[in-house]
Amino acid sequence: MNAQARQLEQTALREDIRDYVAHLQFHMTLQARNLVPNLSQAADSRERLLHNAQAEFEKQVSRQAIESL
């Protein structure tokens, strides 16, 4: 095999690897979009968490007030 044929083969291999990596990065980006909630879902989740924490706190405070009577 001459040097020019070897160089063409190596170039083709590099291009194949680049295509594979680009495809893999694209696939990983799509997967990440499916795993991470969008901003409106995250805000709803935070509001729900805050509401639940506040309700739990108020429940604890009201029980303490009843017990102290």
PDB file of N, CA and C in Angstrom:
ATOM      1  N   MET A   1       0.854  -1.176   0.000  1.00  0.00           N
ATOM      2  CA  MET A   1       0.000   0.000   0.000  1.00  0.00           C
ATOM      3  C   MET A   1       0.895   1.231   0.000  1.00  0.00           C
ATOM      4  N   ASN A   2       0.627   2.142  -0.904  1.00  0.00           N
ATOM      5  CA  ASN A   2       1.487   3.319  -0.965  1.00  0.00           C
ATOM      6  C   ASN A   2       1.027   4.382   0.033  1.00  0.00           C
ATOM      7  N   ALA A   3       1.834   5.402   0.199  1.00  0.00           N
ATOM      8  CA  ALA A   3       1.599   6.431   1.212  1.00  0.00           C
ATOM      9  C   ALA A   3       0.312   7.211   0.938  1.00  0.00           C
ATOM     10  N   GLN A   4       0.024   7.450  -0.337  1.00  0.00           N
ATOM     11  CA  GLN A   4      -1.179   8.219  -0.671  1.00  0.00           C
ATOM     12  C   GLN A   4      -2.445   7.430  -0.315  1.00  0.00           C
ATOM     13  N   ALA A   5      -2.451   6.138  -0.589  1.00  0.00           N
ATOM     14  CA  ALA A   5      -3.608   5.298  -0.266  1.00  0.00           C
ATOM     15  C   ALA A   5      -3.789   5.207   1.251  1.00  0.00           C
ATOM     16  N   ARG A   6      -2.702   5.095   1.967  1.00  0.00           N
ATOM     17  CA  ARG A   6      -2.758   5.041   3.430  1.00  0.00           C
ATOM     18  C   ARG A   6      -3.307   6.345   3.999  1.00  0.00           C
ATOM     19  N   GLN A   7      -2.874   7.468   3.430  1.00  0.00           N
ATOM     20  CA  GLN A   7      -3.338   8.769   3.892  1.00  0.00           C
ATOM     21  C   GLN A   7      -4.842   8.930   3.622  1.00  0.00           C
ATOM     22  N   LEU A   8      -5.302   8.483   2.462  1.00  0.00           N
ATOM     23  CA  LEU A   8      -6.732   8.547   2.151  1.00  0.00           C
ATOM     24  C   LEU A   8      -7.545   7.682   3.114  1.00  0.00           C
ATOM     25  N   GLU A   9      -7.012   6.525   3.451  1.00  0.00           N
ATOM     26  CA  GLU A   9      -7.693   5.626   4.382  1.00  0.00           C
ATOM     27  C   GLU A   9      -7.779   6.258   5.770  1.00  0.00           C
ATOM     28  N   GLN A  10      -6.693   6.875   6.222  1.00  0.00           N
ATOM     29  CA  GLN A  10      -6.690   7.531   7.527  1.00  0.00           C
ATOM     30  C   GLN A  10      -7.654   8.722   7.546  1.00  0.00           C
ATOM     31  N   THR A  11      -7.710   9.462   6.441  1.00  0.00           N
ATOM     32  CA  THR A  11      -8.635  10.591   6.347  1.00  0.00           C
ATOM     33  C   THR A  11     -10.079  10.104   6.424  1.00  0.00           C
ATOM     34  N   ALA A  12     -10.378   9.034   5.723  1.00  0.00           N
ATOM     35  CA  ALA A  12     -11.733   8.475   5.755  1.00  0.00           C
ATOM     36  C   ALA A  12     -12.084   7.992   7.161  1.00  0.00           C
ATOM     37  N   LEU A  13     -11.125   7.375   7.830  1.00  0.00           N
ATOM     38  CA  LEU A  13     -11.354   6.900   9.197  1.00  0.00           C
ATOM     39  C   LEU A  13     -11.636   8.076  10.136  1.00  0.00           C
ATOM     40  N   ARG A  14     -10.859   9.161  10.008  1.00  0.00           N
ATOM     41  CA  ARG A  14     -11.080  10.351  10.840  1.00  0.00           C
ATOM     42  C   ARG A  14     -12.465  10.944  10.597  1.00  0.00           C
ATOM     43  N   GLU A  15     -12.875  10.988   9.335  1.00  0.00           N
ATOM     44  CA  GLU A  15     -14.204  11.517   9.008  1.00  0.00           C
ATOM     45  C   GLU A  15     -15.300  10.632   9.597  1.00  0.00           C
ATOM     46  N   ASP A  16     -15.101   9.316   9.542  1.00  0.00           N
ATOM     47  CA  ASP A  16     -16.071   8.399  10.144  1.00  0.00           C
ATOM     48  C   ASP A  16     -16.177   8.642  11.646  1.00  0.00           C
ATOM     49  N   ILE A  17     -15.031   8.829  12.295  1.00  0.00           N
ATOM     50  CA  ILE A  17     -15.027   9.072  13.734  1.00  0.00           C
ATOM     51  C   ILE A  17     -15.703  10.404  14.042  1.00  0.00           C
ATOM     52  N   ARG A  18     -15.423  11.437  13.246  1.00  0.00           N
ATOM     53  CA  ARG A  18     -16.064  12.743  13.449  1.00  0.00           C
ATOM     54  C   ARG A  18     -17.573  12.636  13.298  1.00  0.00           C
ATOM     55  N   ASP A  19     -18.019  11.902  12.278  1.00  0.00           N
ATOM     56  CA  ASP A  19     -19.458  11.711  12.078  1.00  0.00           C
ATOM     57  C   ASP A  19     -20.077  10.977  13.265  1.00  0.00           C
ATOM     58  N   TYR A  20     -19.382   9.955  13.748  1.00  0.00           N
ATOM     59  CA  TYR A  20     -19.878   9.192  14.884  1.00  0.00           C
ATOM     60  C   TYR A  20     -19.984  10.078  16.123  1.00  0.00           C
ATOM     61  N   VAL A  21     -18.956  10.870  16.399  1.00  0.00           N
ATOM     62  CA  VAL A  21     -18.955  11.748  17.569  1.00  0.00           C
ATOM     63  C   VAL A  21     -20.053  12.797  17.442  1.00  0.00           C
ATOM     64  N   ALA A  22     -20.229  13.365  16.267  1.00  0.00           N
ATOM     65  CA  ALA A  22     -21.284  14.361  16.063  1.00  0.00           C
ATOM     66  C   ALA A  22     -22.662  13.738  16.298  1.00  0.00           C
ATOM     67  N   HIS A  23     -22.849  12.535  15.778  1.00  0.00           N
ATOM     68  CA  HIS A  23     -24.121  11.837  15.978  1.00  0.00           C
ATOM     69  C   HIS A  23     -24.341  11.540  17.456  1.00  0.00           C
ATOM     70  N   LEU A  24     -23.299  11.105  18.140  1.00  0.00           N
ATOM     71  CA  LEU A  24     -23.393  10.798  19.561  1.00  0.00           C
ATOM     72  C   LEU A  24     -23.720  12.060  20.366  1.00  0.00           C
ATOM     73  N   GLN A  25     -23.071  13.176  20.059  1.00  0.00           N
ATOM     74  CA  GLN A  25     -23.347  14.429  20.763  1.00  0.00           C
ATOM     75  C   GLN A  25     -24.784  14.877  20.532  1.00  0.00           C
ATOM     76  N   PHE A  26     -25.256  14.724  19.298  1.00  0.00           N
ATOM     77  CA  PHE A  26     -26.630  15.085  18.981  1.00  0.00           C
ATOM     78  C   PHE A  26     -27.604  14.216  19.774  1.00  0.00           C
ATOM     79  N   HIS A  27     -27.357  12.929  19.814  1.00  0.00           N
ATOM     80  CA  HIS A  27     -28.204  11.997  20.551  1.00  0.00           C
ATOM     81  C   HIS A  27     -28.203  12.340  22.043  1.00  0.00           C
ATOM     82  N   MET A  28     -27.043  12.638  22.591  1.00  0.00           N
ATOM     83  CA  MET A  28     -26.950  12.975  24.012  1.00  0.00           C
ATOM     84  C   MET A  28     -27.693  14.279  24.315  1.00  0.00           C
ATOM     85  N   THR A  29     -27.650  15.238  23.406  1.00  0.00           N
ATOM     86  CA  THR A  29     -28.377  16.491  23.587  1.00  0.00           C
ATOM     87  C   THR A  29     -29.874  16.232  23.612  1.00  0.00           C
ATOM     88  N   LEU A  30     -30.352  15.397  22.710  1.00  0.00           N
ATOM     89  CA  LEU A  30     -31.774  15.067  22.701  1.00  0.00           C
ATOM     90  C   LEU A  30     -32.175  14.345  23.978  1.00  0.00           C
ATOM     91  N   GLN A  31     -31.340  13.436  24.450  1.00  0.00           N
ATOM     92  CA  GLN A  31     -31.628  12.724  25.690  1.00  0.00           C
ATOM     93  C   GLN A  31     -31.674  13.703  26.868  1.00  0.00           C
ATOM     94  N   ALA A  32     -30.735  14.637  26.914  1.00  0.00           N
ATOM     95  CA  ALA A  32     -30.697  15.604  28.008  1.00  0.00           C
ATOM     96  C   ALA A  32     -31.954  16.463  28.007  1.00  0.00           C
ATOM     97  N   ARG A  33     -32.448  16.813  26.842  1.00  0.00           N
ATOM     98  CA  ARG A  33     -33.668  17.611  26.766  1.00  0.00           C
ATOM     99  C   ARG A  33     -34.853  16.838  27.338  1.00  0.00           C
ATOM    100  N   ASN A  34     -34.851  15.518  27.164  1.00  0.00           N
ATOM    101  CA  ASN A  34     -35.942  14.706  27.690  1.00  0.00           C
ATOM    102  C   ASN A  34     -35.814  14.498  29.194  1.00  0.00           C
ATOM    103  N   LEU A  35     -34.608  14.562  29.730  1.00  0.00           N
ATOM    104  CA  LEU A  35     -34.390  14.300  31.149  1.00  0.00           C
ATOM    105  C   LEU A  35     -34.570  15.536  32.018  1.00  0.00           C
ATOM    106  N   VAL A  36     -34.321  16.703  31.466  1.00  0.00           N
ATOM    107  CA  VAL A  36     -34.389  17.933  32.239  1.00  0.00           C
ATOM    108  C   VAL A  36     -35.733  18.605  31.982  1.00  0.00           C
ATOM    109  N   PRO A  37     -36.474  18.919  33.041  1.00  0.00           N
ATOM    110  CA  PRO A  37     -37.769  19.576  32.816  1.00  0.00           C
ATOM    111  C   PRO A  37     -37.574  20.969  32.233  1.00  0.00           C
ATOM    112  N   ASN A  38     -38.560  21.422  31.471  1.00  0.00           N
ATOM    113  CA  ASN A  38     -38.440  22.781  30.944  1.00  0.00           C
ATOM    114  C   ASN A  38     -38.654  23.776  32.077  1.00  0.00           C
ATOM    115  N   LEU A  39     -38.417  25.044  31.830  1.00  0.00           N
ATOM    116  CA  LEU A  39     -38.420  26.044  32.893  1.00  0.00           C
ATOM    117  C   LEU A  39     -39.776  26.173  33.566  1.00  0.00           C
ATOM    118  N   SER A  40     -40.854  26.078  32.812  1.00  0.00           N
ATOM    119  CA  SER A  40     -42.172  26.225  33.437  1.00  0.00           C
ATOM    120  C   SER A  40     -42.459  25.050  34.367  1.00  0.00           C
ATOM    121  N   GLN A  41     -42.029  23.844  33.990  1.00  0.00           N
ATOM    122  CA  GLN A  41     -42.217  22.686  34.866  1.00  0.00           C
ATOM    123  C   GLN A  41     -41.380  22.831  36.126  1.00  0.00           C
ATOM    124  N   ALA A  42     -40.176  23.342  36.006  1.00  0.00           N
ATOM    125  CA  ALA A  42     -39.303  23.525  37.161  1.00  0.00           C
ATOM    126  C   ALA A  42     -39.899  24.561  38.106  1.00  0.00           C
ATOM    127  N   ALA A  43     -40.454  25.638  37.562  1.00  0.00           N
ATOM    128  CA  ALA A  43     -41.065  26.669  38.401  1.00  0.00           C
ATOM    129  C   ALA A  43     -42.274  26.093  39.130  1.00  0.00           C
ATOM    130  N   ASP A  44     -43.094  25.307  38.424  1.00  0.00           N
ATOM    131  CA  ASP A  44     -44.244  24.678  39.071  1.00  0.00           C
ATOM    132  C   ASP A  44     -43.786  23.762  40.195  1.00  0.00           C
ATOM    133  N   SER A  45     -42.721  23.026  39.961  1.00  0.00           N
ATOM    134  CA  SER A  45     -42.195  22.108  40.965  1.00  0.00           C
ATOM    135  C   SER A  45     -41.720  22.873  42.200  1.00  0.00           C
ATOM    136  N   ARG A  46     -41.034  23.985  41.990  1.00  0.00           N
ATOM    137  CA  ARG A  46     -40.561  24.795  43.123  1.00  0.00           C
ATOM    138  C   ARG A  46     -41.729  25.380  43.900  1.00  0.00           C
ATOM    139  N   GLU A  47     -42.743  25.857  43.165  1.00  0.00           N
ATOM    140  CA  GLU A  47     -43.918  26.416  43.838  1.00  0.00           C
ATOM    141  C   GLU A  47     -44.630  25.344  44.657  1.00  0.00           C
ATOM    142  N   ARG A  48     -44.753  24.151  44.095  1.00  0.00           N
ATOM    143  CA  ARG A  48     -45.394  23.043  44.800  1.00  0.00           C
ATOM    144  C   ARG A  48     -44.597  22.679  46.055  1.00  0.00           C
ATOM    145  N   LEU A  49     -43.283  22.619  45.928  1.00  0.00           N
ATOM    146  CA  LEU A  49     -42.425  22.304  47.064  1.00  0.00           C
ATOM    147  C   LEU A  49     -42.554  23.375  48.152  1.00  0.00           C
ATOM    148  N   LEU A  50     -42.557  24.638  47.746  1.00  0.00           N
ATOM    149  CA  LEU A  50     -42.705  25.727  48.696  1.00  0.00           C
ATOM    150  C   LEU A  50     -44.070  25.655  49.381  1.00  0.00           C
ATOM    151  N   HIS A  51     -45.107  25.405  48.629  1.00  0.00           N
ATOM    152  CA  HIS A  51     -46.449  25.300  49.187  1.00  0.00           C
ATOM    153  C   HIS A  51     -46.530  24.151  50.196  1.00  0.00           C
ATOM    154  N   ASN A  52     -45.970  23.004  49.834  1.00  0.00           N
ATOM    155  CA  ASN A  52     -45.987  21.850  50.747  1.00  0.00           C
ATOM    156  C   ASN A  52     -45.200  22.133  52.019  1.00  0.00           C
ATOM    157  N   ALA A  53     -44.055  22.783  51.894  1.00  0.00           N
ATOM    158  CA  ALA A  53     -43.242  23.108  53.062  1.00  0.00           C
ATOM    159  C   ALA A  53     -43.980  24.089  53.969  1.00  0.00           C
ATOM    160  N   GLN A  54     -44.616  25.086  53.358  1.00  0.00           N
ATOM    161  CA  GLN A  54     -45.350  26.062  54.149  1.00  0.00           C
ATOM    162  C   GLN A  54     -46.536  25.403  54.857  1.00  0.00           C
ATOM    163  N   ALA A  55     -47.263  24.529  54.171  1.00  0.00           N
ATOM    164  CA  ALA A  55     -48.393  23.829  54.784  1.00  0.00           C
ATOM    165  C   ALA A  55     -47.919  22.960  55.943  1.00  0.00           C
ATOM    166  N   GLU A  56     -46.803  22.269  55.753  1.00  0.00           N
ATOM    167  CA  GLU A  56     -46.257  21.413  56.819  1.00  0.00           C
ATOM    168  C   GLU A  56     -45.839  22.254  58.026  1.00  0.00           C
ATOM    169  N   PHE A  57     -45.222  23.403  57.778  1.00  0.00           N
ATOM    170  CA  PHE A  57     -44.811  24.299  58.858  1.00  0.00           C
ATOM    171  C   PHE A  57     -46.026  24.809  59.628  1.00  0.00           C
ATOM    172  N   GLU A  58     -47.057  25.232  58.894  1.00  0.00           N
ATOM    173  CA  GLU A  58     -48.267  25.730  59.550  1.00  0.00           C
ATOM    174  C   GLU A  58     -48.934  24.630  60.371  1.00  0.00           C
ATOM    175  N   LYS A  59     -48.899  23.403  59.883  1.00  0.00           N
ATOM    176  CA  LYS A  59     -49.464  22.276  60.617  1.00  0.00           C
ATOM    177  C   LYS A  59     -48.711  22.071  61.928  1.00  0.00           C
ATOM    178  N   GLN A  60     -47.390  22.135  61.859  1.00  0.00           N
ATOM    179  CA  GLN A  60     -46.567  21.958  63.058  1.00  0.00           C
ATOM    180  C   GLN A  60     -46.856  23.066  64.073  1.00  0.00           C
ATOM    181  N   VAL A  61     -46.934  24.297  63.604  1.00  0.00           N
ATOM    182  CA  VAL A  61     -47.178  25.436  64.489  1.00  0.00           C
ATOM    183  C   VAL A  61     -48.552  25.319  65.130  1.00  0.00           C
ATOM    184  N   SER A  62     -49.565  24.947  64.363  1.00  0.00           N
ATOM    185  CA  SER A  62     -50.909  24.834  64.933  1.00  0.00           C
ATOM    186  C   SER A  62     -50.972  23.715  65.968  1.00  0.00           C
ATOM    187  N   ARG A  63     -50.254  22.622  65.768  1.00  0.00           N
ATOM    188  CA  ARG A  63     -50.226  21.528  66.744  1.00  0.00           C
ATOM    189  C   ARG A  63     -49.528  21.958  68.025  1.00  0.00           C
ATOM    190  N   GLN A  64     -48.463  22.752  67.889  1.00  0.00           N
ATOM    191  CA  GLN A  64     -47.759  23.235  69.072  1.00  0.00           C
ATOM    192  C   GLN A  64     -48.664  24.170  69.874  1.00  0.00           C
ATOM    193  N   ALA A  65     -49.440  25.003  69.168  1.00  0.00           N
ATOM    194  CA  ALA A  65     -50.339  25.934  69.848  1.00  0.00           C
ATOM    195  C   ALA A  65     -51.419  25.168  70.596  1.00  0.00           C
ATOM    196  N   ILE A  66     -51.940  24.078  70.028  1.00  0.00           N
ATOM    197  CA  ILE A  66     -52.978  23.271  70.668  1.00  0.00           C
ATOM    198  C   ILE A  66     -52.399  22.550  71.885  1.00  0.00           C
ATOM    199  N   GLU A  67     -51.194  22.029  71.770  1.00  0.00           N
ATOM    200  CA  GLU A  67     -50.557  21.287  72.871  1.00  0.00           C
ATOM    201  C   GLU A  67     -50.240  22.210  74.048  1.00  0.00           C
ATOM    202  N   SER A  68     -49.943  23.480  73.788  1.00  0.00           N
ATOM    203  CA  SER A  68     -49.576  24.386  74.865  1.00  0.00           C
ATOM    204  C   SER A  68     -50.798  24.883  75.641  1.00  0.00           C
ATOM    205  N   LEU A  69     -51.997  24.701  75.122  1.00  0.00           N
ATOM    206  CA  LEU A  69     -53.212  25.127  75.830  1.00  0.00           C
ATOM    207  C   LEU A  69     -53.545  24.293  76.979  1.00  0.00           C
TER     208      LEU A  69
END
